[in-house]
Amino acid sequence: MPKPGFGAVPSTKKSREARSPEAGRARELRAEQTPTERILWDKLRDRRFLGLKFRRQFPVAGFIADFYCDEAKLLIEVDGSVHLEPLQKASDENRDIVLRQLGFKVLRVTNAEVGRAIDTVLQKIAAAAQLFYQS
């Protein structure tokens, strides 16, 4: 039986199979959160930041966003060193183009930025969220 107030249906094999493949992968990624993602999630969760509702490892338009705020249509990607490799960088750019064409704002920050300057990262997120609200 689902927890009261969550609006979920009881988990059944059929209900799990009806979900998108991204939903299963997102669940795995939430369980395998990186230390850097944990730092940022601690600041964003439970409407702690600007009163905005963020989700982590959330499927959006066939992709899985590290963090997503539906109210601001804002996706936040926390990139490690693998995102500096040419093939991955090209893939990220293509993904960002597709997501922007769908009306999403995409913000990329590095693991180093989150680890060394979390306040600066939060300022970037605030600016990105406000840009959405102004347009």
N, C-alpha and C. Protein backbone atom coordinates (compact mmCIF):
# COMPACT_ATOMS: atom_id res chain seq x y z
N MET A 1 0.84 -1.18 0.00
CA MET A 1 0.00 0.00 0.00
C MET A 1 0.89 1.25 0.00
N PRO A 2 0.57 2.26 -0.82
CA PRO A 2 1.40 3.46 -0.86
C PRO A 2 1.28 4.27 0.42
N LYS A 3 2.28 5.10 0.67
CA LYS A 3 2.23 5.97 1.83
C LYS A 3 1.16 7.03 1.62
N PRO A 4 0.41 7.35 2.64
CA PRO A 4 -0.63 8.37 2.51
C PRO A 4 -0.03 9.71 2.06
N GLY A 5 -0.73 10.38 1.16
CA GLY A 5 -0.31 11.71 0.74
C GLY A 5 0.64 11.72 -0.44
N PHE A 6 1.06 10.57 -0.92
CA PHE A 6 2.00 10.55 -2.03
C PHE A 6 1.32 10.34 -3.37
N GLY A 7 0.04 9.98 -3.37
CA GLY A 7 -0.70 9.84 -4.61
C GLY A 7 -0.21 8.71 -5.50
N ALA A 8 0.55 7.81 -4.95
CA ALA A 8 1.09 6.70 -5.73
C ALA A 8 0.10 5.55 -5.77
N VAL A 9 0.26 4.73 -6.77
CA VAL A 9 -0.54 3.50 -6.83
C VAL A 9 0.29 2.39 -6.22
N PRO A 10 -0.36 1.34 -5.71
CA PRO A 10 0.42 0.24 -5.16
C PRO A 10 1.37 -0.31 -6.23
N SER A 11 2.59 -0.62 -5.83
CA SER A 11 3.58 -1.12 -6.77
C SER A 11 3.23 -2.53 -7.21
N THR A 12 3.13 -2.71 -8.49
CA THR A 12 2.89 -4.04 -9.06
C THR A 12 3.87 -4.23 -10.19
N LYS A 13 4.05 -5.47 -10.59
CA LYS A 13 4.96 -5.73 -11.69
C LYS A 13 4.50 -4.99 -12.95
N LYS A 14 3.21 -4.99 -13.17
CA LYS A 14 2.67 -4.33 -14.35
C LYS A 14 2.89 -2.81 -14.30
N SER A 15 2.69 -2.19 -13.13
CA SER A 15 2.88 -0.75 -13.05
C SER A 15 4.34 -0.37 -13.29
N ARG A 16 5.27 -1.18 -12.84
CA ARG A 16 6.70 -0.92 -13.08
C ARG A 16 7.03 -1.06 -14.56
N GLU A 17 6.44 -2.07 -15.22
CA GLU A 17 6.72 -2.29 -16.63
C GLU A 17 6.16 -1.19 -17.51
N ALA A 18 5.10 -0.51 -17.06
CA ALA A 18 4.48 0.53 -17.85
C ALA A 18 5.30 1.82 -17.85
N ARG A 19 6.25 1.94 -16.98
CA ARG A 19 7.08 3.14 -16.90
C ARG A 19 8.13 3.14 -18.01
N SER A 20 8.60 4.34 -18.31
CA SER A 20 9.61 4.47 -19.36
C SER A 20 10.93 3.85 -18.90
N PRO A 21 11.78 3.47 -19.86
CA PRO A 21 13.09 2.93 -19.49
C PRO A 21 13.92 3.96 -18.69
N GLU A 22 13.71 5.24 -18.97
CA GLU A 22 14.44 6.28 -18.25
C GLU A 22 14.09 6.29 -16.77
N ALA A 23 12.86 5.94 -16.43
CA ALA A 23 12.43 5.95 -15.03
C ALA A 23 13.24 4.95 -14.21
N GLY A 24 13.47 3.77 -14.76
CA GLY A 24 14.27 2.77 -14.05
C GLY A 24 15.71 3.20 -13.89
N ARG A 25 16.27 3.78 -14.95
CA ARG A 25 17.65 4.26 -14.89
C ARG A 25 17.77 5.43 -13.91
N ALA A 26 16.77 6.30 -13.91
CA ALA A 26 16.79 7.43 -12.97
C ALA A 26 16.79 6.94 -11.53
N ARG A 27 16.01 5.90 -11.25
CA ARG A 27 15.96 5.33 -9.91
C ARG A 27 17.35 4.81 -9.51
N GLU A 28 18.03 4.14 -10.44
CA GLU A 28 19.38 3.64 -10.18
C GLU A 28 20.34 4.80 -9.89
N LEU A 29 20.25 5.85 -10.69
CA LEU A 29 21.14 6.99 -10.51
C LEU A 29 20.91 7.69 -9.17
N ARG A 30 19.66 7.75 -8.73
CA ARG A 30 19.38 8.37 -7.42
C ARG A 30 20.06 7.56 -6.31
N ALA A 31 20.09 6.26 -6.46
CA ALA A 31 20.72 5.39 -5.46
C ALA A 31 22.24 5.51 -5.50
N GLU A 32 22.79 5.92 -6.66
CA GLU A 32 24.24 6.01 -6.85
C GLU A 32 24.72 7.45 -6.93
N GLN A 33 24.10 8.33 -6.20
CA GLN A 33 24.41 9.75 -6.24
C GLN A 33 25.88 10.00 -5.91
N THR A 34 26.52 10.91 -6.67
CA THR A 34 27.92 11.23 -6.41
C THR A 34 28.02 12.16 -5.20
N PRO A 35 29.18 12.25 -4.59
CA PRO A 35 29.34 13.16 -3.44
C PRO A 35 29.01 14.61 -3.81
N THR A 36 29.39 15.02 -5.00
CA THR A 36 29.11 16.39 -5.44
C THR A 36 27.61 16.61 -5.61
N GLU A 37 26.92 15.65 -6.19
CA GLU A 37 25.47 15.75 -6.33
C GLU A 37 24.80 15.82 -4.96
N ARG A 38 25.34 15.07 -4.01
CA ARG A 38 24.79 15.09 -2.65
C ARG A 38 24.89 16.48 -2.03
N ILE A 39 26.02 17.15 -2.26
CA ILE A 39 26.22 18.50 -1.72
C ILE A 39 25.15 19.45 -2.28
N LEU A 40 24.97 19.41 -3.60
CA LEU A 40 24.00 20.30 -4.22
C LEU A 40 22.57 19.92 -3.83
N TRP A 41 22.28 18.63 -3.79
CA TRP A 41 20.94 18.17 -3.43
C TRP A 41 20.57 18.65 -2.02
N ASP A 42 21.53 18.66 -1.12
CA ASP A 42 21.26 19.11 0.25
C ASP A 42 20.80 20.57 0.26
N LYS A 43 21.26 21.37 -0.69
CA LYS A 43 20.86 22.78 -0.78
C LYS A 43 19.52 22.96 -1.49
N LEU A 44 19.19 22.05 -2.42
CA LEU A 44 18.01 22.22 -3.27
C LEU A 44 16.76 21.50 -2.74
N ARG A 45 16.94 20.45 -2.00
CA ARG A 45 15.81 19.59 -1.61
C ARG A 45 14.81 20.28 -0.69
N ASP A 46 13.61 19.75 -0.67
CA ASP A 46 12.55 20.22 0.25
C ASP A 46 12.26 21.72 0.13
N ARG A 47 12.36 22.26 -1.09
CA ARG A 47 12.09 23.69 -1.35
C ARG A 47 12.98 24.60 -0.52
N ARG A 48 14.19 24.14 -0.19
CA ARG A 48 15.11 24.95 0.62
C ARG A 48 15.68 26.13 -0.16
N PHE A 49 15.67 26.03 -1.48
CA PHE A 49 16.29 27.07 -2.30
C PHE A 49 15.21 27.83 -3.07
N LEU A 50 15.04 29.08 -2.72
CA LEU A 50 14.08 29.98 -3.37
C LEU A 50 12.64 29.46 -3.34
N GLY A 51 12.38 28.48 -2.49
CA GLY A 51 11.05 27.90 -2.42
C GLY A 51 10.68 27.05 -3.62
N LEU A 52 11.68 26.74 -4.46
CA LEU A 52 11.44 25.96 -5.68
C LEU A 52 11.53 24.47 -5.41
N LYS A 53 10.70 23.70 -6.08
CA LYS A 53 10.69 22.24 -5.95
C LYS A 53 11.65 21.66 -7.00
N PHE A 54 12.72 21.04 -6.53
CA PHE A 54 13.67 20.38 -7.41
C PHE A 54 13.53 18.87 -7.27
N ARG A 55 13.76 18.19 -8.36
CA ARG A 55 13.81 16.73 -8.37
C ARG A 55 15.21 16.33 -8.81
N ARG A 56 15.66 15.18 -8.35
CA ARG A 56 17.00 14.74 -8.76
C ARG A 56 16.89 13.52 -9.65
N GLN A 57 17.83 13.42 -10.58
CA GLN A 57 17.85 12.31 -11.55
C GLN A 57 16.45 12.09 -12.10
N PHE A 58 15.95 13.11 -12.76
CA PHE A 58 14.56 13.11 -13.21
C PHE A 58 14.47 13.01 -14.73
N PRO A 59 13.68 12.05 -15.24
CA PRO A 59 13.53 11.91 -16.70
C PRO A 59 12.78 13.11 -17.30
N VAL A 60 13.40 13.73 -18.29
CA VAL A 60 12.80 14.87 -18.99
C VAL A 60 13.06 14.69 -20.49
N ALA A 61 12.01 14.56 -21.26
CA ALA A 61 12.10 14.51 -22.73
C ALA A 61 13.07 13.43 -23.21
N GLY A 62 13.07 12.28 -22.57
CA GLY A 62 13.93 11.19 -22.99
C GLY A 62 15.35 11.24 -22.43
N PHE A 63 15.65 12.26 -21.65
CA PHE A 63 16.96 12.40 -21.01
C PHE A 63 16.76 12.33 -19.50
N ILE A 64 17.85 12.14 -18.77
CA ILE A 64 17.76 12.16 -17.30
C ILE A 64 18.58 13.35 -16.81
N ALA A 65 17.89 14.32 -16.22
CA ALA A 65 18.54 15.51 -15.70
C ALA A 65 19.05 15.24 -14.29
N ASP A 66 20.24 15.74 -13.97
CA ASP A 66 20.75 15.59 -12.60
C ASP A 66 19.77 16.21 -11.62
N PHE A 67 19.33 17.45 -11.93
CA PHE A 67 18.34 18.14 -11.12
C PHE A 67 17.37 18.86 -12.05
N TYR A 68 16.10 18.89 -11.67
CA TYR A 68 15.09 19.51 -12.51
C TYR A 68 14.08 20.25 -11.66
N CYS A 69 13.75 21.46 -12.08
CA CYS A 69 12.72 22.27 -11.43
C CYS A 69 11.65 22.57 -12.47
N ASP A 70 10.48 21.98 -12.30
CA ASP A 70 9.40 22.16 -13.26
C ASP A 70 8.88 23.59 -13.25
N GLU A 71 8.83 24.20 -12.07
CA GLU A 71 8.31 25.57 -11.95
C GLU A 71 9.10 26.55 -12.81
N ALA A 72 10.40 26.35 -12.91
CA ALA A 72 11.27 27.23 -13.69
C ALA A 72 11.69 26.61 -15.02
N LYS A 73 11.23 25.39 -15.29
CA LYS A 73 11.66 24.66 -16.50
C LYS A 73 13.19 24.66 -16.60
N LEU A 74 13.83 24.43 -15.46
CA LEU A 74 15.28 24.51 -15.34
C LEU A 74 15.89 23.14 -15.08
N LEU A 75 16.84 22.78 -15.93
CA LEU A 75 17.61 21.55 -15.74
C LEU A 75 19.01 21.93 -15.32
N ILE A 76 19.54 21.25 -14.31
CA ILE A 76 20.89 21.50 -13.83
C ILE A 76 21.69 20.22 -14.01
N GLU A 77 22.81 20.35 -14.69
CA GLU A 77 23.71 19.21 -14.91
C GLU A 77 25.00 19.47 -14.15
N VAL A 78 25.42 18.52 -13.35
CA VAL A 78 26.69 18.60 -12.62
C VAL A 78 27.68 17.71 -13.37
N ASP A 79 28.64 18.35 -14.02
CA ASP A 79 29.55 17.64 -14.91
C ASP A 79 30.89 17.32 -14.27
N GLY A 80 31.28 16.07 -14.40
CA GLY A 80 32.61 15.63 -13.98
C GLY A 80 33.58 15.72 -15.16
N SER A 81 34.77 15.19 -14.97
CA SER A 81 35.83 15.32 -15.98
C SER A 81 35.48 14.60 -17.29
N VAL A 82 34.63 13.59 -17.26
CA VAL A 82 34.26 12.87 -18.47
C VAL A 82 33.58 13.81 -19.48
N HIS A 83 32.95 14.86 -18.99
CA HIS A 83 32.25 15.80 -19.87
C HIS A 83 33.19 16.72 -20.62
N LEU A 84 34.50 16.63 -20.33
CA LEU A 84 35.50 17.41 -21.06
C LEU A 84 35.98 16.67 -22.31
N GLU A 85 35.71 15.37 -22.37
CA GLU A 85 36.13 14.57 -23.53
C GLU A 85 35.32 15.00 -24.75
N PRO A 86 35.97 15.10 -25.92
CA PRO A 86 35.31 15.63 -27.12
C PRO A 86 33.99 14.94 -27.48
N LEU A 87 33.95 13.62 -27.43
CA LEU A 87 32.73 12.91 -27.79
C LEU A 87 31.60 13.21 -26.81
N GLN A 88 31.91 13.22 -25.53
CA GLN A 88 30.90 13.52 -24.51
C GLN A 88 30.46 14.97 -24.59
N LYS A 89 31.41 15.86 -24.86
CA LYS A 89 31.10 17.28 -24.97
C LYS A 89 30.12 17.53 -26.13
N ALA A 90 30.36 16.86 -27.26
CA ALA A 90 29.46 16.99 -28.41
C ALA A 90 28.08 16.44 -28.08
N SER A 91 28.04 15.32 -27.39
CA SER A 91 26.77 14.73 -26.98
C SER A 91 26.00 15.67 -26.05
N ASP A 92 26.71 16.27 -25.10
CA ASP A 92 26.09 17.22 -24.17
C ASP A 92 25.52 18.43 -24.91
N GLU A 93 26.29 18.94 -25.88
CA GLU A 93 25.83 20.11 -26.65
C GLU A 93 24.57 19.78 -27.44
N ASN A 94 24.54 18.61 -28.06
CA ASN A 94 23.34 18.20 -28.82
C ASN A 94 22.13 18.05 -27.90
N ARG A 95 22.35 17.45 -26.76
CA ARG A 95 21.27 17.27 -25.78
C ARG A 95 20.74 18.62 -25.32
N ASP A 96 21.66 19.56 -25.04
CA ASP A 96 21.25 20.89 -24.59
C ASP A 96 20.44 21.62 -25.66
N ILE A 97 20.82 21.47 -26.93
CA ILE A 97 20.09 22.09 -28.02
C ILE A 97 18.66 21.56 -28.07
N VAL A 98 18.52 20.24 -27.99
CA VAL A 98 17.19 19.62 -28.03
C VAL A 98 16.34 20.11 -26.86
N LEU A 99 16.91 20.12 -25.68
CA LEU A 99 16.16 20.54 -24.49
C LEU A 99 15.77 22.02 -24.56
N ARG A 100 16.66 22.85 -25.06
CA ARG A 100 16.34 24.29 -25.19
C ARG A 100 15.23 24.50 -26.22
N GLN A 101 15.27 23.72 -27.30
CA GLN A 101 14.22 23.83 -28.32
C GLN A 101 12.85 23.44 -27.74
N LEU A 102 12.86 22.60 -26.72
CA LEU A 102 11.62 22.18 -26.06
C LEU A 102 11.19 23.17 -24.98
N GLY A 103 11.97 24.23 -24.79
CA GLY A 103 11.59 25.27 -23.84
C GLY A 103 12.23 25.18 -22.48
N PHE A 104 13.22 24.31 -22.32
CA PHE A 104 13.90 24.17 -21.03
C PHE A 104 15.12 25.07 -20.99
N LYS A 105 15.44 25.54 -19.81
CA LYS A 105 16.69 26.26 -19.55
C LYS A 105 17.67 25.22 -19.01
N VAL A 106 18.87 25.16 -19.57
CA VAL A 106 19.87 24.18 -19.15
C VAL A 106 21.06 24.92 -18.53
N LEU A 107 21.41 24.52 -17.32
CA LEU A 107 22.55 25.10 -16.63
C LEU A 107 23.54 23.99 -16.32
N ARG A 108 24.76 24.16 -16.77
CA ARG A 108 25.82 23.18 -16.49
C ARG A 108 26.82 23.78 -15.52
N VAL A 109 27.12 23.02 -14.47
CA VAL A 109 28.16 23.39 -13.51
C VAL A 109 29.09 22.20 -13.36
N THR A 110 30.30 22.47 -12.93
CA THR A 110 31.26 21.38 -12.78
C THR A 110 31.29 20.88 -11.34
N ASN A 111 31.80 19.66 -11.18
CA ASN A 111 32.00 19.11 -9.84
C ASN A 111 32.87 20.05 -9.02
N ALA A 112 33.91 20.61 -9.66
CA ALA A 112 34.84 21.50 -8.95
C ALA A 112 34.11 22.74 -8.44
N GLU A 113 33.22 23.31 -9.26
CA GLU A 113 32.46 24.49 -8.83
C GLU A 113 31.61 24.18 -7.61
N VAL A 114 30.92 23.05 -7.65
CA VAL A 114 30.05 22.67 -6.52
C VAL A 114 30.90 22.43 -5.28
N GLY A 115 32.03 21.77 -5.44
CA GLY A 115 32.88 21.44 -4.30
C GLY A 115 33.59 22.63 -3.68
N ARG A 116 33.97 23.61 -4.52
CA ARG A 116 34.76 24.74 -4.01
C ARG A 116 33.96 26.01 -3.79
N ALA A 117 32.86 26.19 -4.55
CA ALA A 117 32.15 27.47 -4.50
C ALA A 117 30.65 27.25 -4.62
N ILE A 118 30.07 26.56 -3.66
CA ILE A 118 28.65 26.24 -3.71
C ILE A 118 27.79 27.50 -3.75
N ASP A 119 28.22 28.57 -3.07
CA ASP A 119 27.44 29.81 -3.08
C ASP A 119 27.38 30.41 -4.48
N THR A 120 28.47 30.33 -5.22
CA THR A 120 28.50 30.82 -6.60
C THR A 120 27.57 29.99 -7.48
N VAL A 121 27.57 28.68 -7.27
CA VAL A 121 26.67 27.79 -8.02
C VAL A 121 25.22 28.15 -7.72
N LEU A 122 24.90 28.38 -6.46
CA LEU A 122 23.54 28.76 -6.09
C LEU A 122 23.13 30.10 -6.70
N GLN A 123 24.08 31.03 -6.81
CA GLN A 123 23.80 32.31 -7.47
C GLN A 123 23.48 32.08 -8.95
N LYS A 124 24.22 31.18 -9.61
CA LYS A 124 23.96 30.86 -11.02
C LYS A 124 22.58 30.24 -11.18
N ILE A 125 22.22 29.37 -10.26
CA ILE A 125 20.89 28.73 -10.32
C ILE A 125 19.80 29.78 -10.13
N ALA A 126 20.00 30.68 -9.17
CA ALA A 126 19.02 31.74 -8.93
C ALA A 126 18.86 32.61 -10.17
N ALA A 127 19.97 32.97 -10.80
CA ALA A 127 19.91 33.80 -12.00
C ALA A 127 19.19 33.06 -13.13
N ALA A 128 19.47 31.78 -13.29
CA ALA A 128 18.82 31.00 -14.35
C ALA A 128 17.32 30.89 -14.10
N ALA A 129 16.93 30.70 -12.86
CA ALA A 129 15.51 30.59 -12.52
C ALA A 129 14.81 31.92 -12.76
N GLN A 130 15.45 33.02 -12.41
CA GLN A 130 14.85 34.34 -12.60
C GLN A 130 14.75 34.69 -14.08
N LEU A 131 15.74 34.28 -14.87
CA LEU A 131 15.67 34.53 -16.30
C LEU A 131 14.42 33.90 -16.89
N PHE A 132 14.11 32.71 -16.42
CA PHE A 132 12.91 32.04 -16.92
C PHE A 132 11.68 32.84 -16.57
N TYR A 133 11.59 33.29 -15.34
CA TYR A 133 10.39 34.00 -14.88
C TYR A 133 10.22 35.34 -15.58
N GLN A 134 11.32 35.96 -16.03
CA GLN A 134 11.24 37.25 -16.69
C GLN A 134 10.81 37.14 -18.14
N SER A 135 10.99 35.99 -18.76
CA SER A 135 10.68 35.89 -20.19
C SER A 135 9.23 35.65 -20.47
